[in-house]
Protein backbone atom coordinates (compact mmCIF):
# COMPACT_ATOMS: atom_id res chain seq x y z
CA MET A 1 29.72 -13.35 49.17
CA LEU A 2 31.93 -16.35 49.70
CA LYS A 3 35.58 -15.99 50.63
CA GLN A 4 37.63 -17.44 47.78
CA ASP A 5 40.86 -17.42 49.79
CA ASP A 6 39.36 -18.97 52.93
CA GLN A 7 40.53 -22.39 54.17
CA ILE A 8 36.91 -23.51 54.40
CA PRO A 9 35.84 -25.13 51.10
CA LEU A 10 33.48 -23.05 48.99
CA TYR A 11 30.70 -25.65 48.99
CA ILE A 12 30.68 -25.65 52.81
CA GLN A 13 30.53 -21.85 52.86
CA LEU A 14 27.55 -21.95 50.50
CA LYS A 15 25.90 -24.71 52.50
CA GLU A 16 26.28 -22.72 55.73
CA SER A 17 24.95 -19.58 54.04
CA LEU A 18 21.81 -21.36 52.79
CA LEU A 19 21.35 -23.18 56.11
CA SER A 20 21.57 -19.89 57.98
CA SER A 21 18.83 -18.45 55.76
CA ILE A 22 16.62 -21.48 56.53
CA LEU A 23 17.19 -21.43 60.28
CA ASN A 24 16.64 -17.69 60.67
CA GLY A 25 13.46 -17.76 58.59
CA ASP A 26 14.64 -15.88 55.51
CA LEU A 27 13.90 -19.09 53.62
CA LYS A 28 10.70 -20.72 54.88
CA TYR A 29 9.12 -24.13 54.46
CA GLY A 30 7.91 -24.49 50.87
CA ASP A 31 10.09 -21.71 49.45
CA LYS A 32 11.86 -22.53 46.20
CA ILE A 33 15.57 -21.77 46.29
CA PRO A 34 17.41 -20.32 43.27
CA THR A 35 18.56 -22.74 40.57
CA GLU A 36 22.11 -24.08 40.40
CA ALA A 37 22.83 -21.66 37.54
CA GLU A 38 21.46 -18.70 39.52
CA LEU A 39 23.44 -19.60 42.65
CA SER A 40 26.55 -20.17 40.56
CA GLU A 41 26.19 -16.68 39.06
CA GLU A 42 25.31 -15.02 42.38
CA TYR A 43 28.21 -16.51 44.35
CA LYS A 44 30.74 -16.64 41.46
CA ILE A 45 31.41 -20.34 41.90
CA SER A 46 31.04 -23.42 39.71
CA ARG A 47 27.79 -25.33 39.37
CA ILE A 48 29.59 -28.44 40.65
CA THR A 49 30.32 -26.58 43.89
CA VAL A 50 26.70 -25.44 44.14
CA ARG A 51 25.43 -28.95 43.44
CA LYS A 52 27.56 -30.42 46.23
CA ALA A 53 26.28 -27.90 48.79
CA ILE A 54 22.65 -28.51 47.79
CA LEU A 55 23.09 -32.28 47.84
CA GLU A 56 24.35 -32.19 51.42
CA LEU A 57 21.40 -30.01 52.49
CA VAL A 58 19.04 -32.48 50.82
CA GLU A 59 20.75 -35.40 52.60
CA ASP A 60 20.48 -33.51 55.90
CA GLY A 61 16.74 -33.02 55.31
CA PHE A 62 16.74 -29.21 55.00
CA LEU A 63 15.99 -29.19 51.26
CA VAL A 64 13.94 -31.45 49.02
CA LYS A 65 14.22 -31.87 45.25
CA ARG A 66 11.03 -32.15 43.20
CA GLN A 67 11.41 -33.56 39.72
CA GLY A 68 10.84 -30.92 37.07
CA LYS A 69 9.97 -28.24 39.64
CA GLY A 70 13.17 -27.38 41.46
CA THR A 71 14.55 -27.51 45.00
CA PHE A 72 12.47 -26.39 47.97
CA VAL A 73 12.91 -25.79 51.69
CA ASN A 74 11.77 -28.92 53.49
CA LYS A 75 9.62 -29.11 56.60
CA ARG A 76 11.83 -29.29 59.66
CA LYS A 77 11.62 -32.62 61.47
CA ILE A 78 11.68 -32.91 65.23
CA GLU A 79 14.51 -35.23 66.25
CA ARG A 80 13.80 -37.43 69.24
CA LYS A 81 16.09 -40.04 70.76
CA ILE A 82 13.86 -43.02 71.39
CA VAL A 83 16.33 -44.82 73.64
CA HIS A 84 16.11 -42.09 76.27
CA PHE A 85 13.00 -40.63 77.88
CA LEU A 86 12.27 -37.29 76.29
CA SER A 87 8.87 -35.64 76.44
CA PHE A 88 7.33 -33.94 73.42
CA SER A 89 7.82 -30.55 75.07
CA ASP A 90 11.50 -31.27 75.70
CA ALA A 91 11.94 -32.62 72.17
CA CYS A 92 10.49 -29.40 70.71
CA LYS A 93 12.67 -27.26 72.97
CA ALA A 94 15.77 -29.22 71.92
CA ASN A 95 14.90 -28.46 68.28
CA GLY A 96 14.26 -24.75 68.81
CA LEU A 97 10.46 -25.01 68.59
CA THR A 98 7.67 -24.05 70.98
CA ALA A 99 5.36 -26.86 72.10
CA SER A 100 1.66 -26.35 72.81
CA SER A 101 -1.42 -28.54 73.13
CA LYS A 102 -5.15 -28.59 72.47
CA VAL A 103 -7.23 -30.87 74.68
CA ILE A 104 -9.74 -32.84 72.61
CA LYS A 105 -11.17 -35.30 75.15
CA LYS A 106 -11.18 -36.03 78.88
CA GLU A 107 -13.17 -39.18 79.55
CA ILE A 108 -13.54 -41.91 82.15
CA VAL A 109 -13.45 -45.29 80.39
CA GLN A 110 -13.27 -48.94 81.37
CA PRO A 111 -9.85 -50.64 81.24
CA THR A 112 -8.97 -53.68 79.19
CA ALA A 113 -7.13 -56.65 80.67
CA LYS A 114 -3.93 -55.23 79.16
CA ASP A 115 -4.54 -51.85 80.83
CA ILE A 116 -5.04 -53.53 84.20
CA GLU A 117 -1.82 -55.48 83.79
CA LEU A 118 0.43 -52.66 82.55
CA LEU A 119 -0.93 -49.93 84.83
CA LYS A 120 -1.25 -52.22 87.87
CA LEU A 121 -4.84 -51.10 88.37
CA GLU A 122 -6.64 -51.97 91.60
CA GLU A 123 -9.99 -53.73 91.48
CA GLY A 124 -12.75 -51.28 90.59
CA ASP A 125 -10.38 -48.69 89.16
CA ALA A 126 -11.24 -46.99 85.86
CA LEU A 127 -9.14 -45.23 83.24
CA LEU A 128 -8.85 -41.51 82.70
CA PHE A 129 -8.46 -41.03 78.94
CA ILE A 130 -6.94 -37.74 77.83
CA GLN A 131 -6.57 -36.96 74.14
CA ARG A 132 -4.60 -33.93 73.00
CA VAL A 133 -3.24 -32.60 69.74
CA ARG A 134 0.36 -31.52 70.20
CA TYR A 135 1.72 -28.60 68.20
CA ALA A 136 5.27 -27.58 67.31
CA GLY A 137 4.98 -23.88 66.64
CA ASP A 138 1.73 -23.50 64.66
CA SER A 139 1.78 -26.98 63.15
CA PRO A 140 -0.12 -29.99 64.55
CA ILE A 141 2.38 -32.83 64.86
CA MET A 142 0.92 -35.53 67.07
CA ILE A 143 -2.31 -36.95 68.47
CA GLU A 144 -1.56 -37.95 72.04
CA ASN A 145 -3.84 -40.60 73.55
CA ASN A 146 -2.88 -41.21 77.18
CA TYR A 147 -4.55 -43.54 79.68
CA TYR A 148 -4.13 -43.03 83.44
CA SER A 149 -5.40 -44.75 86.56
CA TYR A 150 -8.49 -42.72 87.50
CA LYS A 151 -8.00 -43.31 91.24
CA LYS A 152 -4.43 -42.06 91.11
CA PHE A 153 -4.68 -39.25 88.55
CA HIS A 154 -8.30 -38.05 88.72
CA ILE A 155 -7.16 -34.49 89.52
CA LEU A 156 -6.17 -34.15 85.85
CA LEU A 157 -9.87 -33.87 85.00
CA ASN A 158 -9.92 -30.36 86.44
CA GLU A 159 -6.45 -29.20 85.44
CA ASP A 160 -5.44 -26.98 82.52
CA LEU A 161 -3.55 -29.38 80.29
CA GLU A 162 -2.65 -27.01 77.47
CA GLY A 163 0.95 -27.16 78.67
CA SER A 164 3.01 -30.02 80.09
CA VAL A 165 0.96 -32.76 81.79
CA TYR A 166 4.14 -34.14 83.33
CA LYS A 167 4.78 -30.80 85.02
CA VAL A 168 1.26 -30.84 86.48
CA ILE A 169 1.74 -34.42 87.72
CA GLU A 170 5.05 -33.54 89.33
CA GLU A 171 3.80 -30.33 90.98
CA LYS A 172 0.38 -31.58 92.12
CA LEU A 173 1.12 -35.23 92.94
CA ASN A 174 4.87 -35.23 93.52
CA ILE A 175 5.21 -37.95 90.88
CA LYS A 176 8.02 -37.58 88.36
CA PRO A 177 7.60 -39.44 85.03
CA GLN A 178 10.99 -40.95 84.41
CA GLY A 179 11.05 -43.31 81.42
CA SER A 180 9.60 -46.29 79.60
CA TRP A 181 10.66 -49.92 79.66
CA GLU A 182 9.37 -50.78 76.21
CA THR A 183 8.20 -48.71 73.26
CA THR A 184 6.84 -50.04 69.98
CA LEU A 185 6.87 -48.05 66.77
CA GLU A 186 5.17 -48.84 63.47
CA ILE A 187 3.87 -47.10 60.36
CA VAL A 188 0.12 -46.70 59.82
CA ARG A 189 -2.05 -44.69 57.44
CA ALA A 190 -4.10 -41.69 58.55
CA SER A 191 -7.78 -42.46 59.06
CA GLU A 192 -10.60 -39.89 58.99
CA ASP A 193 -10.07 -38.94 62.65
CA GLU A 194 -6.33 -38.38 62.22
CA VAL A 195 -6.89 -36.44 58.99
CA GLN A 196 -9.12 -33.94 60.77
CA LEU A 197 -7.01 -33.52 63.91
CA LEU A 198 -3.64 -33.32 62.14
CA ASN A 199 -4.89 -31.38 59.10
CA THR A 200 -3.35 -33.96 56.77
CA SER A 201 -4.41 -36.13 53.83
CA SER A 202 -6.22 -39.45 53.96
CA GLY A 203 -3.72 -42.30 53.86
CA GLU A 204 -0.80 -40.09 54.91
CA PRO A 205 1.89 -42.21 56.65
CA LEU A 206 1.97 -41.76 60.42
CA PHE A 207 4.19 -43.14 63.15
CA TYR A 208 2.09 -45.11 65.64
CA MET A 209 3.87 -45.38 68.98
CA GLU A 210 2.75 -47.37 72.02
CA THR A 211 4.52 -47.01 75.34
CA THR A 212 4.04 -47.22 79.09
CA VAL A 213 5.70 -44.46 81.10
CA TYR A 214 6.96 -45.09 84.64
CA ASP A 215 7.99 -42.84 87.52
CA GLU A 216 11.23 -42.79 89.48
CA ASN A 217 9.97 -45.69 91.62
CA ASP A 218 9.18 -47.83 88.55
CA GLU A 219 5.45 -47.37 89.11
CA PRO A 220 3.33 -46.89 85.95
CA VAL A 221 2.17 -43.37 85.17
CA HIS A 222 0.24 -43.89 81.93
CA ARG A 223 -0.12 -45.86 78.73
CA GLY A 224 0.40 -43.86 75.56
CA LYS A 225 -0.91 -44.48 72.05
CA GLN A 226 0.37 -41.70 69.83
CA TYR A 227 -0.09 -40.88 66.14
CA ILE A 228 2.72 -38.72 64.75
CA LEU A 229 3.06 -37.10 61.31
CA GLY A 230 5.72 -39.06 59.44
CA ASP A 231 7.10 -36.05 57.56
CA SER A 232 7.60 -34.02 60.74
CA TYR A 233 9.42 -36.43 63.01
CA LYS A 234 12.67 -38.36 62.98
CA PHE A 235 13.42 -40.90 65.69
CA ILE A 236 17.04 -41.58 66.60
CA PHE A 237 17.95 -45.02 67.90
CA GLN A 238 21.12 -45.37 69.98
CA GLN A 239 22.73 -48.27 71.80
């Protein structure tokens, strides 16, 4: 029950109570929460107070209102600061989720002129293309398409890449991915390939992100072309 004589406003107490139930799993994604009238009766507070608490949880992305159906627990979004270098694994960890991966492809392909320029490829070098589906908990979140210099990173062909590729690169090659100079982000619609790999609907909005990652010596590590579920991710831009 809420503390009527507490200095903390009642709507904040209710908000924190509902948020606690969401974060500890008592209320799960897709669950319908009680109506304003039911919460008002349960907590012995006005419907205006209930409405304010729910509105703030909706604005914060924890709840979603569906016209004529009620209010439901929303899918948690992974927050990622795009101005700083933060790997998917680190982003999941920062949001209290466990990251995992499923390797879809490991292929040797020919580079384009853009690949040669951005990755500073030597003459005769090829690309090592590694495609993985990245999971946050049990949910597929992102299709990761990374392109590496084959001469420099060919050992990845025989490595277990279900975990962090960056950790493998650092431990095996003593190369530490450090950051990106430029990243582009746009909205695209899920095609047949993305629908199957991300278990989503055709035409679902996806973030499409292109970036080139560099090491501590400003040498290119890989090009990345990633497709990310729009309803599972929130990028944070900072200056």
